[in-house]
Amino acid sequence: MEELLNTITEFVALIIEMIAVVVVAAGSVVALVAIVRHVVAPRSDEDARLAWLEYARWLVAALTFQLAADIVHTTIAPTWNDIGQTGAIAVIRTFLTFFLDRDIAQAGERQEPKNA
């Protein structure tokens, strides 16, 4: 029974990690297209900033999926060392997500008066 649980856990974590990779890849393609458009037909700095903020949103989503995969991995963590490493990775990803979210929110606040 324990072996089955380990297998299921690894499979679920792998699927979640693959989703994170797809999210990063998709976001990177979207960002690359925006950069190429900006280079070919220069637009305002605000448009470039919006493209980077959109990319940051993709990265936040990917980090969230990665954190979910880490949590799944820790459900069957054989050693305290594995738990500690996963905890450190979770803290780093959580801080990255926090700062990306904060930057996105601040940029949205700066943009609101212009749209009003």
PDB file of N, CA and C in Angstrom:
ATOM      1  N   MET A   1       0.818  -1.198   0.000  1.00  0.00           N
ATOM      2  CA  MET A   1       0.000   0.000   0.000  1.00  0.00           C
ATOM      3  C   MET A   1       0.862   1.261   0.000  1.00  0.00           C
ATOM      4  N   GLU A   2       1.936   1.244   0.789  1.00  0.00           N
ATOM      5  CA  GLU A   2       2.836   2.402   0.850  1.00  0.00           C
ATOM      6  C   GLU A   2       3.506   2.641  -0.504  1.00  0.00           C
ATOM      7  N   GLU A   3       3.869   1.567  -1.179  1.00  0.00           N
ATOM      8  CA  GLU A   3       4.495   1.689  -2.500  1.00  0.00           C
ATOM      9  C   GLU A   3       3.527   2.319  -3.505  1.00  0.00           C
ATOM     10  N   LEU A   4       2.267   1.937  -3.429  1.00  0.00           N
ATOM     11  CA  LEU A   4       1.251   2.512  -4.316  1.00  0.00           C
ATOM     12  C   LEU A   4       1.098   3.998  -4.038  1.00  0.00           C
ATOM     13  N   LEU A   5       1.068   4.379  -2.762  1.00  0.00           N
ATOM     14  CA  LEU A   5       0.956   5.789  -2.402  1.00  0.00           C
ATOM     15  C   LEU A   5       2.169   6.573  -2.905  1.00  0.00           C
ATOM     16  N   ASN A   6       3.368   6.008  -2.764  1.00  0.00           N
ATOM     17  CA  ASN A   6       4.573   6.658  -3.285  1.00  0.00           C
ATOM     18  C   ASN A   6       4.484   6.848  -4.795  1.00  0.00           C
ATOM     19  N   THR A   7       4.028   5.842  -5.497  1.00  0.00           N
ATOM     20  CA  THR A   7       3.916   5.915  -6.953  1.00  0.00           C
ATOM     21  C   THR A   7       2.902   6.993  -7.365  1.00  0.00           C
ATOM     22  N   ILE A   8       1.750   6.995  -6.703  1.00  0.00           N
ATOM     23  CA  ILE A   8       0.725   7.996  -7.018  1.00  0.00           C
ATOM     24  C   ILE A   8       1.244   9.402  -6.729  1.00  0.00           C
ATOM     25  N   THR A   9       1.900   9.557  -5.586  1.00  0.00           N
ATOM     26  CA  THR A   9       2.443  10.867  -5.205  1.00  0.00           C
ATOM     27  C   THR A   9       3.449  11.356  -6.236  1.00  0.00           C
ATOM     28  N   GLU A  10       4.362  10.507  -6.638  1.00  0.00           N
ATOM     29  CA  GLU A  10       5.363  10.897  -7.640  1.00  0.00           C
ATOM     30  C   GLU A  10       4.704  11.254  -8.972  1.00  0.00           C
ATOM     31  N   PHE A  11       3.690  10.487  -9.360  1.00  0.00           N
ATOM     32  CA  PHE A  11       2.983  10.745 -10.613  1.00  0.00           C
ATOM     33  C   PHE A  11       2.265  12.094 -10.561  1.00  0.00           C
ATOM     34  N   VAL A  12       1.560  12.362  -9.459  1.00  0.00           N
ATOM     35  CA  VAL A  12       0.841  13.627  -9.306  1.00  0.00           C
ATOM     36  C   VAL A  12       1.826  14.802  -9.306  1.00  0.00           C
ATOM     37  N   ALA A  13       2.919  14.672  -8.562  1.00  0.00           N
ATOM     38  CA  ALA A  13       3.924  15.739  -8.512  1.00  0.00           C
ATOM     39  C   ALA A  13       4.525  15.978  -9.892  1.00  0.00           C
ATOM     40  N   LEU A  14       4.786  14.918 -10.640  1.00  0.00           N
ATOM     41  CA  LEU A  14       5.335  15.057 -11.988  1.00  0.00           C
ATOM     42  C   LEU A  14       4.366  15.795 -12.900  1.00  0.00           C
ATOM     43  N   ILE A  15       3.084  15.479 -12.817  1.00  0.00           N
ATOM     44  CA  ILE A  15       2.087  16.171 -13.631  1.00  0.00           C
ATOM     45  C   ILE A  15       2.046  17.661 -13.283  1.00  0.00           C
ATOM     46  N   ILE A  16       2.062  17.972 -11.998  1.00  0.00           N
ATOM     47  CA  ILE A  16       2.034  19.376 -11.575  1.00  0.00           C
ATOM     48  C   ILE A  16       3.297  20.098 -12.039  1.00  0.00           C
ATOM     49  N   GLU A  17       4.450  19.452 -11.961  1.00  0.00           N
ATOM     50  CA  GLU A  17       5.692  20.056 -12.444  1.00  0.00           C
ATOM     51  C   GLU A  17       5.640  20.278 -13.949  1.00  0.00           C
ATOM     52  N   MET A  18       5.041  19.342 -14.687  1.00  0.00           N
ATOM     53  CA  MET A  18       4.902  19.525 -16.132  1.00  0.00           C
ATOM     54  C   MET A  18       3.994  20.715 -16.438  1.00  0.00           C
ATOM     55  N   ILE A  19       2.944  20.881 -15.661  1.00  0.00           N
ATOM     56  CA  ILE A  19       2.070  22.039 -15.848  1.00  0.00           C
ATOM     57  C   ILE A  19       2.860  23.326 -15.635  1.00  0.00           C
ATOM     58  N   ALA A  20       3.694  23.360 -14.605  1.00  0.00           N
ATOM     59  CA  ALA A  20       4.516  24.546 -14.343  1.00  0.00           C
ATOM     60  C   ALA A  20       5.446  24.845 -15.511  1.00  0.00           C
ATOM     61  N   VAL A  21       6.038  23.809 -16.082  1.00  0.00           N
ATOM     62  CA  VAL A  21       6.935  23.998 -17.235  1.00  0.00           C
ATOM     63  C   VAL A  21       6.154  24.554 -18.425  1.00  0.00           C
ATOM     64  N   VAL A  22       4.956  24.033 -18.653  1.00  0.00           N
ATOM     65  CA  VAL A  22       4.128  24.516 -19.758  1.00  0.00           C
ATOM     66  C   VAL A  22       3.749  25.981 -19.541  1.00  0.00           C
ATOM     67  N   VAL A  23       3.422  26.334 -18.297  1.00  0.00           N
ATOM     68  CA  VAL A  23       3.064  27.716 -17.990  1.00  0.00           C
ATOM     69  C   VAL A  23       4.253  28.642 -18.247  1.00  0.00           C
ATOM     70  N   VAL A  24       5.447  28.250 -17.810  1.00  0.00           N
ATOM     71  CA  VAL A  24       6.637  29.074 -18.058  1.00  0.00           C
ATOM     72  C   VAL A  24       6.904  29.186 -19.557  1.00  0.00           C
ATOM     73  N   ALA A  25       6.800  28.072 -20.275  1.00  0.00           N
ATOM     74  CA  ALA A  25       7.042  28.091 -21.718  1.00  0.00           C
ATOM     75  C   ALA A  25       6.032  28.988 -22.426  1.00  0.00           C
ATOM     76  N   ALA A  26       4.769  28.847 -22.093  1.00  0.00           N
ATOM     77  CA  ALA A  26       3.737  29.668 -22.730  1.00  0.00           C
ATOM     78  C   ALA A  26       3.945  31.148 -22.420  1.00  0.00           C
ATOM     79  N   GLY A  27       4.211  31.452 -21.158  1.00  0.00           N
ATOM     80  CA  GLY A  27       4.468  32.839 -20.782  1.00  0.00           C
ATOM     81  C   GLY A  27       5.690  33.407 -21.466  1.00  0.00           C
ATOM     82  N   SER A  28       6.699  32.583 -21.634  1.00  0.00           N
ATOM     83  CA  SER A  28       7.917  33.034 -22.310  1.00  0.00           C
ATOM     84  C   SER A  28       7.656  33.330 -23.782  1.00  0.00           C
ATOM     85  N   VAL A  29       6.845  32.497 -24.411  1.00  0.00           N
ATOM     86  CA  VAL A  29       6.496  32.749 -25.821  1.00  0.00           C
ATOM     87  C   VAL A  29       5.710  34.047 -25.945  1.00  0.00           C
ATOM     88  N   VAL A  30       4.731  34.232 -25.061  1.00  0.00           N
ATOM     89  CA  VAL A  30       3.939  35.467 -25.082  1.00  0.00           C
ATOM     90  C   VAL A  30       4.849  36.681 -24.880  1.00  0.00           C
ATOM     91  N   ALA A  31       5.777  36.594 -23.931  1.00  0.00           N
ATOM     92  CA  ALA A  31       6.699  37.701 -23.663  1.00  0.00           C
ATOM     93  C   ALA A  31       7.621  37.935 -24.857  1.00  0.00           C
ATOM     94  N   LEU A  32       8.104  36.874 -25.465  1.00  0.00           N
ATOM     95  CA  LEU A  32       8.982  37.015 -26.624  1.00  0.00           C
ATOM     96  C   LEU A  32       8.258  37.701 -27.775  1.00  0.00           C
ATOM     97  N   VAL A  33       7.028  37.308 -28.011  1.00  0.00           N
ATOM     98  CA  VAL A  33       6.238  37.946 -29.076  1.00  0.00           C
ATOM     99  C   VAL A  33       6.068  39.438 -28.777  1.00  0.00           C
ATOM    100  N   ALA A  34       5.786  39.775 -27.528  1.00  0.00           N
ATOM    101  CA  ALA A  34       5.623  41.181 -27.144  1.00  0.00           C
ATOM    102  C   ALA A  34       6.925  41.953 -27.342  1.00  0.00           C
ATOM    103  N   ILE A  35       8.050  41.330 -27.010  1.00  0.00           N
ATOM    104  CA  ILE A  35       9.350  41.996 -27.190  1.00  0.00           C
ATOM    105  C   ILE A  35       9.635  42.220 -28.667  1.00  0.00           C
ATOM    106  N   VAL A  36       9.394  41.210 -29.467  1.00  0.00           N
ATOM    107  CA  VAL A  36       9.634  41.346 -30.913  1.00  0.00           C
ATOM    108  C   VAL A  36       8.733  42.436 -31.487  1.00  0.00           C
ATOM    109  N   ARG A  37       7.476  42.470 -31.093  1.00  0.00           N
ATOM    110  CA  ARG A  37       6.571  43.534 -31.565  1.00  0.00           C
ATOM    111  C   ARG A  37       7.098  44.905 -31.168  1.00  0.00           C
ATOM    112  N   HIS A  38       7.610  45.006 -29.955  1.00  0.00           N
ATOM    113  CA  HIS A  38       8.131  46.297 -29.480  1.00  0.00           C
ATOM    114  C   HIS A  38       9.381  46.710 -30.251  1.00  0.00           C
ATOM    115  N   VAL A  39      10.210  45.744 -30.608  1.00  0.00           N
ATOM    116  CA  VAL A  39      11.433  46.048 -31.360  1.00  0.00           C
ATOM    117  C   VAL A  39      11.090  46.424 -32.806  1.00  0.00           C
ATOM    118  N   VAL A  40      10.182  45.657 -33.409  1.00  0.00           N
ATOM    119  CA  VAL A  40       9.826  45.890 -34.812  1.00  0.00           C
ATOM    120  C   VAL A  40       9.038  47.190 -34.970  1.00  0.00           C
ATOM    121  N   ALA A  41       8.065  47.392 -34.121  1.00  0.00           N
ATOM    122  CA  ALA A  41       7.235  48.598 -34.174  1.00  0.00           C
ATOM    123  C   ALA A  41       7.219  49.207 -32.778  1.00  0.00           C
ATOM    124  N   PRO A  42       8.216  50.042 -32.476  1.00  0.00           N
ATOM    125  CA  PRO A  42       8.326  50.589 -31.117  1.00  0.00           C
ATOM    126  C   PRO A  42       7.020  51.230 -30.648  1.00  0.00           C
ATOM    127  N   ARG A  43       6.706  50.893 -29.415  1.00  0.00           N
ATOM    128  CA  ARG A  43       5.501  51.426 -28.778  1.00  0.00           C
ATOM    129  C   ARG A  43       5.919  52.184 -27.533  1.00  0.00           C
ATOM    130  N   SER A  44       4.964  52.605 -26.779  1.00  0.00           N
ATOM    131  CA  SER A  44       5.275  53.361 -25.566  1.00  0.00           C
ATOM    132  C   SER A  44       5.960  52.470 -24.533  1.00  0.00           C
ATOM    133  N   ASP A  45       6.643  53.125 -23.619  1.00  0.00           N
ATOM    134  CA  ASP A  45       7.263  52.386 -22.520  1.00  0.00           C
ATOM    135  C   ASP A  45       6.208  51.692 -21.673  1.00  0.00           C
ATOM    136  N   GLU A  46       5.028  52.272 -21.629  1.00  0.00           N
ATOM    137  CA  GLU A  46       3.933  51.669 -20.863  1.00  0.00           C
ATOM    138  C   GLU A  46       3.552  50.311 -21.457  1.00  0.00           C
ATOM    139  N   ASP A  47       3.528  50.208 -22.778  1.00  0.00           N
ATOM    140  CA  ASP A  47       3.232  48.921 -23.418  1.00  0.00           C
ATOM    141  C   ASP A  47       4.298  47.881 -23.077  1.00  0.00           C
ATOM    142  N   ALA A  48       5.563  48.290 -23.072  1.00  0.00           N
ATOM    143  CA  ALA A  48       6.644  47.371 -22.712  1.00  0.00           C
ATOM    144  C   ALA A  48       6.508  46.933 -21.261  1.00  0.00           C
ATOM    145  N   ARG A  49       6.167  47.862 -20.392  1.00  0.00           N
ATOM    146  CA  ARG A  49       5.992  47.537 -18.977  1.00  0.00           C
ATOM    147  C   ARG A  49       4.826  46.565 -18.799  1.00  0.00           C
ATOM    148  N   LEU A  50       3.751  46.775 -19.533  1.00  0.00           N
ATOM    149  CA  LEU A  50       2.609  45.875 -19.454  1.00  0.00           C
ATOM    150  C   LEU A  50       2.974  44.466 -19.917  1.00  0.00           C
ATOM    151  N   ALA A  51       3.825  44.375 -20.926  1.00  0.00           N
ATOM    152  CA  ALA A  51       4.270  43.061 -21.402  1.00  0.00           C
ATOM    153  C   ALA A  51       5.059  42.349 -20.314  1.00  0.00           C
ATOM    154  N   TRP A  52       5.933  43.077 -19.621  1.00  0.00           N
ATOM    155  CA  TRP A  52       6.715  42.459 -18.550  1.00  0.00           C
ATOM    156  C   TRP A  52       5.837  42.069 -17.375  1.00  0.00           C
ATOM    157  N   LEU A  53       4.817  42.881 -17.082  1.00  0.00           N
ATOM    158  CA  LEU A  53       3.894  42.531 -16.006  1.00  0.00           C
ATOM    159  C   LEU A  53       3.096  41.284 -16.352  1.00  0.00           C
ATOM    160  N   GLU A  54       2.712  41.160 -17.603  1.00  0.00           N
ATOM    161  CA  GLU A  54       2.009  39.953 -18.028  1.00  0.00           C
ATOM    162  C   GLU A  54       2.915  38.731 -17.859  1.00  0.00           C
ATOM    163  N   TYR A  55       4.188  38.891 -18.215  1.00  0.00           N
ATOM    164  CA  TYR A  55       5.147  37.797 -18.037  1.00  0.00           C
ATOM    165  C   TYR A  55       5.289  37.449 -16.561  1.00  0.00           C
ATOM    166  N   ALA A  56       5.308  38.461 -15.710  1.00  0.00           N
ATOM    167  CA  ALA A  56       5.401  38.219 -14.262  1.00  0.00           C
ATOM    168  C   ALA A  56       4.195  37.420 -13.774  1.00  0.00           C
ATOM    169  N   ARG A  57       3.029  37.689 -14.332  1.00  0.00           N
ATOM    170  CA  ARG A  57       1.833  36.919 -13.945  1.00  0.00           C
ATOM    171  C   ARG A  57       1.998  35.446 -14.311  1.00  0.00           C
ATOM    172  N   TRP A  58       2.535  35.184 -15.486  1.00  0.00           N
ATOM    173  CA  TRP A  58       2.792  33.802 -15.888  1.00  0.00           C
ATOM    174  C   TRP A  58       3.765  33.137 -14.912  1.00  0.00           C
ATOM    175  N   LEU A  59       4.808  33.876 -14.534  1.00  0.00           N
ATOM    176  CA  LEU A  59       5.813  33.315 -13.618  1.00  0.00           C
ATOM    177  C   LEU A  59       5.227  33.045 -12.238  1.00  0.00           C
ATOM    178  N   VAL A  60       4.357  33.934 -11.769  1.00  0.00           N
ATOM    179  CA  VAL A  60       3.704  33.705 -10.476  1.00  0.00           C
ATOM    180  C   VAL A  60       2.869  32.432 -10.539  1.00  0.00           C
ATOM    181  N   ALA A  61       2.157  32.243 -11.637  1.00  0.00           N
ATOM    182  CA  ALA A  61       1.357  31.023 -11.795  1.00  0.00           C
ATOM    183  C   ALA A  61       2.258  29.783 -11.778  1.00  0.00           C
ATOM    184  N   ALA A  62       3.363  29.847 -12.503  1.00  0.00           N
ATOM    185  CA  ALA A  62       4.287  28.705 -12.547  1.00  0.00           C
ATOM    186  C   ALA A  62       4.886  28.426 -11.170  1.00  0.00           C
ATOM    187  N   LEU A  63       5.267  29.472 -10.454  1.00  0.00           N
ATOM    188  CA  LEU A  63       5.813  29.283  -9.103  1.00  0.00           C
ATOM    189  C   LEU A  63       4.782  28.649  -8.178  1.00  0.00           C
ATOM    190  N   THR A  64       3.529  29.006  -8.346  1.00  0.00           N
ATOM    191  CA  THR A  64       2.469  28.421  -7.533  1.00  0.00           C
ATOM    192  C   THR A  64       2.336  26.931  -7.821  1.00  0.00           C
ATOM    193  N   PHE A  65       2.400  26.557  -9.101  1.00  0.00           N
ATOM    194  CA  PHE A  65       2.354  25.136  -9.444  1.00  0.00           C
ATOM    195  C   PHE A  65       3.578  24.401  -8.893  1.00  0.00           C
ATOM    196  N   GLN A  66       4.741  25.027  -8.984  1.00  0.00           N
ATOM    197  CA  GLN A  66       5.951  24.393  -8.446  1.00  0.00           C
ATOM    198  C   GLN A  66       5.831  24.186  -6.943  1.00  0.00           C
ATOM    199  N   LEU A  67       5.295  25.158  -6.254  1.00  0.00           N
ATOM    200  CA  LEU A  67       5.104  25.030  -4.813  1.00  0.00           C
ATOM    201  C   LEU A  67       4.127  23.889  -4.509  1.00  0.00           C
ATOM    202  N   ALA A  68       3.088  23.775  -5.308  1.00  0.00           N
ATOM    203  CA  ALA A  68       2.142  22.675  -5.126  1.00  0.00           C
ATOM    204  C   ALA A  68       2.841  21.332  -5.323  1.00  0.00           C
ATOM    205  N   ALA A  69       3.701  21.232  -6.320  1.00  0.00           N
ATOM    206  CA  ALA A  69       4.448  19.993  -6.549  1.00  0.00           C
ATOM    207  C   ALA A  69       5.359  19.687  -5.360  1.00  0.00           C
ATOM    208  N   ASP A  70       5.984  20.717  -4.800  1.00  0.00           N
ATOM    209  CA  ASP A  70       6.833  20.512  -3.622  1.00  0.00           C
ATOM    210  C   ASP A  70       6.023  19.985  -2.443  1.00  0.00           C
ATOM    211  N   ILE A  71       4.828  20.520  -2.276  1.00  0.00           N
ATOM    212  CA  ILE A  71       3.975  20.067  -1.178  1.00  0.00           C
ATOM    213  C   ILE A  71       3.606  18.604  -1.367  1.00  0.00           C
ATOM    214  N   VAL A  72       3.285  18.230  -2.590  1.00  0.00           N
ATOM    215  CA  VAL A  72       2.959  16.824  -2.870  1.00  0.00           C
ATOM    216  C   VAL A  72       4.169  15.940  -2.578  1.00  0.00           C
ATOM    217  N   HIS A  73       5.352  16.393  -2.987  1.00  0.00           N
ATOM    218  CA  HIS A  73       6.568  15.615  -2.723  1.00  0.00           C
ATOM    219  C   HIS A  73       6.779  15.399  -1.225  1.00  0.00           C
ATOM    220  N   THR A  74       6.465  16.383  -0.409  1.00  0.00           N
ATOM    221  CA  THR A  74       6.729  16.260   1.035  1.00  0.00           C
ATOM    222  C   THR A  74       5.732  15.369   1.743  1.00  0.00           C
ATOM    223  N   THR A  75       4.657  14.992   1.088  1.00  0.00           N
ATOM    224  CA  THR A  75       3.709  14.103   1.759  1.00  0.00           C
ATOM    225  C   THR A  75       4.329  12.739   2.031  1.00  0.00           C
ATOM    226  N   ILE A  76       5.305  12.370   1.241  1.00  0.00           N
ATOM    227  CA  ILE A  76       6.011  11.099   1.437  1.00  0.00           C
ATOM    228  C   ILE A  76       7.513  11.413   1.469  1.00  0.00           C
ATOM    229  N   ALA A  77       7.937  12.248   2.416  1.00  0.00           N
ATOM    230  CA  ALA A  77       9.348  12.617   2.525  1.00  0.00           C
ATOM    231  C   ALA A  77      10.049  11.642   3.464  1.00  0.00           C
ATOM    232  N   PRO A  78      11.033  10.887   2.966  1.00  0.00           N
ATOM    233  CA  PRO A  78      11.665   9.867   3.795  1.00  0.00           C
ATOM    234  C   PRO A  78      12.620  10.390   4.874  1.00  0.00           C
ATOM    235  N   THR A  79      13.177  11.582   4.698  1.00  0.00           N
ATOM    236  CA  THR A  79      14.157  12.064   5.674  1.00  0.00           C
ATOM    237  C   THR A  79      13.878  13.518   6.039  1.00  0.00           C
ATOM    238  N   TRP A  80      14.431  13.935   7.192  1.00  0.00           N
ATOM    239  CA  TRP A  80      14.327  15.328   7.601  1.00  0.00           C
ATOM    240  C   TRP A  80      15.096  16.228   6.648  1.00  0.00           C
ATOM    241  N   ASN A  81      16.156  15.704   6.052  1.00  0.00           N
ATOM    242  CA  ASN A  81      16.926  16.474   5.080  1.00  0.00           C
ATOM    243  C   ASN A  81      16.051  16.837   3.879  1.00  0.00           C
ATOM    244  N   ASP A  82      15.269  15.872   3.386  1.00  0.00           N
ATOM    245  CA  ASP A  82      14.360  16.134   2.270  1.00  0.00           C
ATOM    246  C   ASP A  82      13.312  17.180   2.654  1.00  0.00           C
ATOM    247  N   ILE A  83      12.788  17.057   3.864  1.00  0.00           N
ATOM    248  CA  ILE A  83      11.793  18.016   4.331  1.00  0.00           C
ATOM    249  C   ILE A  83      12.415  19.408   4.434  1.00  0.00           C
ATOM    250  N   GLY A  84      13.629  19.504   4.967  1.00  0.00           N
ATOM    251  CA  GLY A  84      14.318  20.795   5.086  1.00  0.00           C
ATOM    252  C   GLY A  84      14.589  21.430   3.735  1.00  0.00           C
ATOM    253  N   GLN A  85      15.053  20.621   2.776  1.00  0.00           N
ATOM    254  CA  GLN A  85      15.308  21.153   1.433  1.00  0.00           C
ATOM    255  C   GLN A  85      14.018  21.648   0.791  1.00  0.00           C
ATOM    256  N   THR A  86      12.958  20.876   0.928  1.00  0.00           N
ATOM    257  CA  THR A  86      11.675  21.284   0.354  1.00  0.00           C
ATOM    258  C   THR A  86      11.167  22.549   1.037  1.00  0.00           C
ATOM    259  N   GLY A  87      11.347  22.631   2.334  1.00  0.00           N
ATOM    260  CA  GLY A  87      10.943  23.831   3.061  1.00  0.00           C
ATOM    261  C   GLY A  87      11.702  25.059   2.597  1.00  0.00           C
ATOM    262  N   ALA A  88      13.006  24.919   2.398  1.00  0.00           N
ATOM    263  CA  ALA A  88      13.813  26.046   1.916  1.00  0.00           C
ATOM    264  C   ALA A  88      13.369  26.476   0.523  1.00  0.00           C
ATOM    265  N   ILE A  89      13.131  25.505  -0.345  1.00  0.00           N
ATOM    266  CA  ILE A  89      12.666  25.818  -1.696  1.00  0.00           C
ATOM    267  C   ILE A  89      11.302  26.508  -1.633  1.00  0.00           C
ATOM    268  N   ALA A  90      10.419  26.021  -0.775  1.00  0.00           N
ATOM    269  CA  ALA A  90       9.089  26.621  -0.638  1.00  0.00           C
ATOM    270  C   ALA A  90       9.193  28.065  -0.163  1.00  0.00           C
ATOM    271  N   VAL A  91      10.082  28.331   0.788  1.00  0.00           N
ATOM    272  CA  VAL A  91      10.255  29.696   1.292  1.00  0.00           C
ATOM    273  C   VAL A  91      10.759  30.607   0.172  1.00  0.00           C
ATOM    274  N   ILE A  92      11.747  30.156  -0.578  1.00  0.00           N
ATOM    275  CA  ILE A  92      12.292  30.962  -1.676  1.00  0.00           C
ATOM    276  C   ILE A  92      11.207  31.246  -2.711  1.00  0.00           C
ATOM    277  N   ARG A  93      10.466  30.217  -3.104  1.00  0.00           N
ATOM    278  CA  ARG A  93       9.407  30.412  -4.107  1.00  0.00           C
ATOM    279  C   ARG A  93       8.305  31.313  -3.578  1.00  0.00           C
ATOM    280  N   THR A  94       7.996  31.189  -2.302  1.00  0.00           N
ATOM    281  CA  THR A  94       6.959  32.036  -1.713  1.00  0.00           C
ATOM    282  C   THR A  94       7.403  33.496  -1.718  1.00  0.00           C
ATOM    283  N   PHE A  95       8.656  33.762  -1.382  1.00  0.00           N
ATOM    284  CA  PHE A  95       9.161  35.128  -1.422  1.00  0.00           C
ATOM    285  C   PHE A  95       9.160  35.673  -2.849  1.00  0.00           C
ATOM    286  N   LEU A  96       9.585  34.870  -3.807  1.00  0.00           N
ATOM    287  CA  LEU A  96       9.554  35.307  -5.206  1.00  0.00           C
ATOM    288  C   LEU A  96       8.136  35.661  -5.628  1.00  0.00           C
ATOM    289  N   THR A  97       7.199  34.808  -5.278  1.00  0.00           N
ATOM    290  CA  THR A  97       5.803  35.066  -5.623  1.00  0.00           C
ATOM    291  C   THR A  97       5.297  36.330  -4.942  1.00  0.00           C
ATOM    292  N   PHE A  98       5.651  36.515  -3.678  1.00  0.00           N
ATOM    293  CA  PHE A  98       5.226  37.701  -2.943  1.00  0.00           C
ATOM    294  C   PHE A  98       5.713  38.968  -3.631  1.00  0.00           C
ATOM    295  N   PHE A  99       6.995  39.003  -3.986  1.00  0.00           N
ATOM    296  CA  PHE A  99       7.544  40.211  -4.598  1.00  0.00           C
ATOM    297  C   PHE A  99       7.011  40.436  -6.012  1.00  0.00           C
ATOM    298  N   LEU A 100       6.803  39.363  -6.770  1.00  0.00           N
ATOM    299  CA  LEU A 100       6.202  39.521  -8.093  1.00  0.00           C
ATOM    300  C   LEU A 100       4.770  40.036  -7.968  1.00  0.00           C
ATOM    301  N   ASP A 101       4.003  39.487  -7.041  1.00  0.00           N
ATOM    302  CA  ASP A 101       2.631  39.958  -6.820  1.00  0.00           C
ATOM    303  C   ASP A 101       2.617  41.428  -6.409  1.00  0.00           C
ATOM    304  N   ARG A 102       3.532  41.800  -5.544  1.00  0.00           N
ATOM    305  CA  ARG A 102       3.603  43.194  -5.091  1.00  0.00           C
ATOM    306  C   ARG A 102       3.930  44.126  -6.250  1.00  0.00           C
ATOM    307  N   ASP A 103       4.884  43.735  -7.097  1.00  0.00           N
ATOM    308  CA  ASP A 103       5.231  44.555  -8.257  1.00  0.00           C
ATOM    309  C   ASP A 103       4.048  44.691  -9.212  1.00  0.00           C
ATOM    310  N   ILE A 104       3.328  43.605  -9.414  1.00  0.00           N
ATOM    311  CA  ILE A 104       2.152  43.641 -10.290  1.00  0.00           C
ATOM    312  C   ILE A 104       1.103  44.592  -9.713  1.00  0.00           C
ATOM    313  N   ALA A 105       0.865  44.507  -8.415  1.00  0.00           N
ATOM    314  CA  ALA A 105      -0.131  45.372  -7.773  1.00  0.00           C
ATOM    315  C   ALA A 105       0.283  46.835  -7.847  1.00  0.00           C
ATOM    316  N   GLN A 106       1.565  47.122  -7.600  1.00  0.00           N
ATOM    317  CA  GLN A 106       2.039  48.506  -7.663  1.00  0.00           C
ATOM    318  C   GLN A 106       1.927  49.061  -9.075  1.00  0.00           C
ATOM    319  N   ALA A 107       2.232  48.255 -10.055  1.00  0.00           N
ATOM    320  CA  ALA A 107       2.118  48.710 -11.440  1.00  0.00           C
ATOM    321  C   ALA A 107       0.657  48.964 -11.793  1.00  0.00           C
ATOM    322  N   GLY A 108      -0.231  48.122 -11.280  1.00  0.00           N
ATOM    323  CA  GLY A 108      -1.660  48.330 -11.519  1.00  0.00           C
ATOM    324  C   GLY A 108      -2.148  49.618 -10.889  1.00  0.00           C
ATOM    325  N   GLU A 109      -1.645  49.926  -9.699  1.00  0.00           N
ATOM    326  CA  GLU A 109      -2.026  51.177  -9.028  1.00  0.00           C
ATOM    327  C   GLU A 109      -1.532  52.392  -9.805  1.00  0.00           C
ATOM    328  N   ARG A 110      -0.321  52.299 -10.369  1.00  0.00           N
ATOM    329  CA  ARG A 110       0.213  53.419 -11.159  1.00  0.00           C
ATOM    330  C   ARG A 110      -0.587  53.595 -12.433  1.00  0.00           C
ATOM    331  N   GLN A 111      -1.113  52.512 -12.963  1.00  0.00           N
ATOM    332  CA  GLN A 111      -1.824  52.569 -14.238  1.00  0.00           C
ATOM    333  C   GLN A 111      -3.261  53.036 -14.068  1.00  0.00           C
ATOM    334  N   GLU A 112      -3.901  52.805 -12.922  1.00  0.00           N
ATOM    335  CA  GLU A 112      -5.299  53.153 -12.711  1.00  0.00           C
ATOM    336  C   GLU A 112      -5.593  54.633 -12.940  1.00  0.00           C
ATOM    337  N   PRO A 113      -4.803  55.571 -12.400  1.00  0.00           N
ATOM    338  CA  PRO A 113      -5.121  56.980 -12.642  1.00  0.00           C
ATOM    339  C   PRO A 113      -5.098  57.343 -14.139  1.00  0.00           C
ATOM    340  N   LYS A 114      -4.242  56.696 -14.915  1.00  0.00           N
ATOM    341  CA  LYS A 114      -4.152  56.983 -16.346  1.00  0.00           C
ATOM    342  C   LYS A 114      -5.393  56.490 -17.068  1.00  0.00           C
ATOM    343  N   ASN A 115      -5.975  55.398 -16.587  1.00  0.00           N
ATOM    344  CA  ASN A 115      -7.163  54.846 -17.219  1.00  0.00           C
ATOM    345  C   ASN A 115      -8.445  55.551 -16.793  1.00  0.00           C
ATOM    346  N   ALA A 116      -8.404  56.246 -15.660  1.00  0.00           N
ATOM    347  CA  ALA A 116      -9.615  56.899 -15.136  1.00  0.00           C
ATOM    348  C   ALA A 116      -9.946  58.166 -15.873  1.00  0.00           C
TER     349      ALA A 116
END
